[in-house]
């Protein structure tokens, strides 16, 4: 899958979880969502993008990836 598509999808997921009043819980649930529903290859590709530049990620998506990286892998 193209990295741009993964960035778009993770940003859309972030938009959904951003509406939650408890940011810490939202970040954790976002990471759990990605771990449960994305195939390992997609998760690895997204994390590689985060490591290289993280270009295009919203603040919510970038923070979820950073805080809960171990959960996502």
C-alpha atoms as a PDB file:
ATOM      1  CA  UNK A   1       0.000   0.000   0.000  1.00  0.00           C
ATOM      2  CA  UNK A   2       1.221   3.511  -0.696  1.00  0.00           C
ATOM      3  CA  UNK A   3       2.433   5.416   2.336  1.00  0.00           C
ATOM      4  CA  UNK A   4       0.228   8.367   1.406  1.00  0.00           C
ATOM      5  CA  UNK A   5      -2.837   6.148   1.768  1.00  0.00           C
ATOM      6  CA  UNK A   6      -1.718   4.925   5.187  1.00  0.00           C
ATOM      7  CA  UNK A   7      -1.128   8.508   6.336  1.00  0.00           C
ATOM      8  CA  UNK A   8      -4.566   9.523   5.084  1.00  0.00           C
ATOM      9  CA  UNK A   9      -6.220   6.587   6.847  1.00  0.00           C
ATOM     10  CA  UNK A  10      -4.415   7.091  10.166  1.00  0.00           C
ATOM     11  CA  UNK A  11      -5.275  10.791  10.072  1.00  0.00           C
ATOM     12  CA  UNK A  12      -8.946   9.929   9.532  1.00  0.00           C
ATOM     13  CA  UNK A  13      -8.831   7.547  12.474  1.00  0.00           C
ATOM     14  CA  UNK A  14      -7.223  10.300  14.514  1.00  0.00           C
ATOM     15  CA  UNK A  15     -10.020  12.693  13.596  1.00  0.00           C
ATOM     16  CA  UNK A  16     -12.553  10.240  14.992  1.00  0.00           C
ATOM     17  CA  UNK A  17     -10.690   9.685  18.262  1.00  0.00           C
ATOM     18  CA  UNK A  18      -9.851  13.370  18.662  1.00  0.00           C
ATOM     19  CA  UNK A  19     -13.494  13.976  19.584  1.00  0.00           C
ATOM     20  CA  UNK A  20     -13.065  11.992  22.808  1.00  0.00           C
ATOM     21  CA  UNK A  21     -12.804  14.202  25.890  1.00  0.00           C
ATOM     22  CA  UNK A  22     -10.000  12.144  27.488  1.00  0.00           C
ATOM     23  CA  UNK A  23      -6.976  12.603  25.214  1.00  0.00           C
ATOM     24  CA  UNK A  24      -4.875   9.894  26.879  1.00  0.00           C
ATOM     25  CA  UNK A  25      -7.648   7.346  26.431  1.00  0.00           C
ATOM     26  CA  UNK A  26      -8.199   8.496  22.854  1.00  0.00           C
ATOM     27  CA  UNK A  27      -4.524   7.998  21.987  1.00  0.00           C
ATOM     28  CA  UNK A  28      -4.524   4.535  23.524  1.00  0.00           C
ATOM     29  CA  UNK A  29      -7.734   3.500  21.774  1.00  0.00           C
ATOM     30  CA  UNK A  30      -6.432   4.814  18.469  1.00  0.00           C
ATOM     31  CA  UNK A  31      -3.312   2.665  18.817  1.00  0.00           C
ATOM     32  CA  UNK A  32      -5.415  -0.367  19.765  1.00  0.00           C
ATOM     33  CA  UNK A  33      -7.653   0.211  16.745  1.00  0.00           C
ATOM     34  CA  UNK A  34      -4.646   0.197  14.422  1.00  0.00           C
ATOM     35  CA  UNK A  35      -3.154  -2.897  16.075  1.00  0.00           C
ATOM     36  CA  UNK A  36      -6.405  -4.841  15.893  1.00  0.00           C
ATOM     37  CA  UNK A  37      -7.600  -3.858  12.429  1.00  0.00           C
ATOM     38  CA  UNK A  38      -4.491  -3.167  10.346  1.00  0.00           C
ATOM     39  CA  UNK A  39      -2.422  -6.021   8.996  1.00  0.00           C
ATOM     40  CA  UNK A  40       1.172  -6.186  10.281  1.00  0.00           C
ATOM     41  CA  UNK A  41       2.629  -5.088   6.949  1.00  0.00           C
ATOM     42  CA  UNK A  42       0.585  -1.858   7.040  1.00  0.00           C
ATOM     43  CA  UNK A  43       1.589  -1.145  10.637  1.00  0.00           C
ATOM     44  CA  UNK A  44       5.283  -1.683   9.871  1.00  0.00           C
ATOM     45  CA  UNK A  45       5.103   0.567   6.833  1.00  0.00           C
ATOM     46  CA  UNK A  46       3.408   3.323   8.829  1.00  0.00           C
ATOM     47  CA  UNK A  47       5.971   3.093  11.643  1.00  0.00           C
ATOM     48  CA  UNK A  48       8.807   3.209   9.094  1.00  0.00           C
ATOM     49  CA  UNK A  49       7.266   6.417   7.738  1.00  0.00           C
ATOM     50  CA  UNK A  50       7.051   7.835  11.260  1.00  0.00           C
ATOM     51  CA  UNK A  51      10.747   7.016  11.759  1.00  0.00           C
ATOM     52  CA  UNK A  52      11.816   8.562   8.472  1.00  0.00           C
ATOM     53  CA  UNK A  53       9.894  11.830   8.490  1.00  0.00           C
ATOM     54  CA  UNK A  54       6.320  11.469   9.681  1.00  0.00           C
ATOM     55  CA  UNK A  55       5.360  13.885   6.929  1.00  0.00           C
ATOM     56  CA  UNK A  56       1.640  14.477   6.626  1.00  0.00           C
ATOM     57  CA  UNK A  57       0.636  13.062  10.009  1.00  0.00           C
ATOM     58  CA  UNK A  58      -1.684  15.128  12.139  1.00  0.00           C
ATOM     59  CA  UNK A  59      -0.614  15.934  15.697  1.00  0.00           C
ATOM     60  CA  UNK A  60      -3.066  13.336  17.013  1.00  0.00           C
ATOM     61  CA  UNK A  61      -1.724  10.577  14.760  1.00  0.00           C
ATOM     62  CA  UNK A  62       1.907  11.425  15.455  1.00  0.00           C
ATOM     63  CA  UNK A  63       1.327  11.478  19.211  1.00  0.00           C
ATOM     64  CA  UNK A  64      -0.525   8.152  19.175  1.00  0.00           C
ATOM     65  CA  UNK A  65       2.305   6.556  17.194  1.00  0.00           C
ATOM     66  CA  UNK A  66       4.956   7.938  19.558  1.00  0.00           C
ATOM     67  CA  UNK A  67       3.211   7.113  22.842  1.00  0.00           C
ATOM     68  CA  UNK A  68       1.902   3.688  21.921  1.00  0.00           C
ATOM     69  CA  UNK A  69       4.466   2.402  19.432  1.00  0.00           C
ATOM     70  CA  UNK A  70       4.961  -0.828  21.388  1.00  0.00           C
ATOM     71  CA  UNK A  71       1.227  -1.498  21.247  1.00  0.00           C
ATOM     72  CA  UNK A  72       1.059  -0.934  17.495  1.00  0.00           C
ATOM     73  CA  UNK A  73       3.913  -3.238  16.467  1.00  0.00           C
END
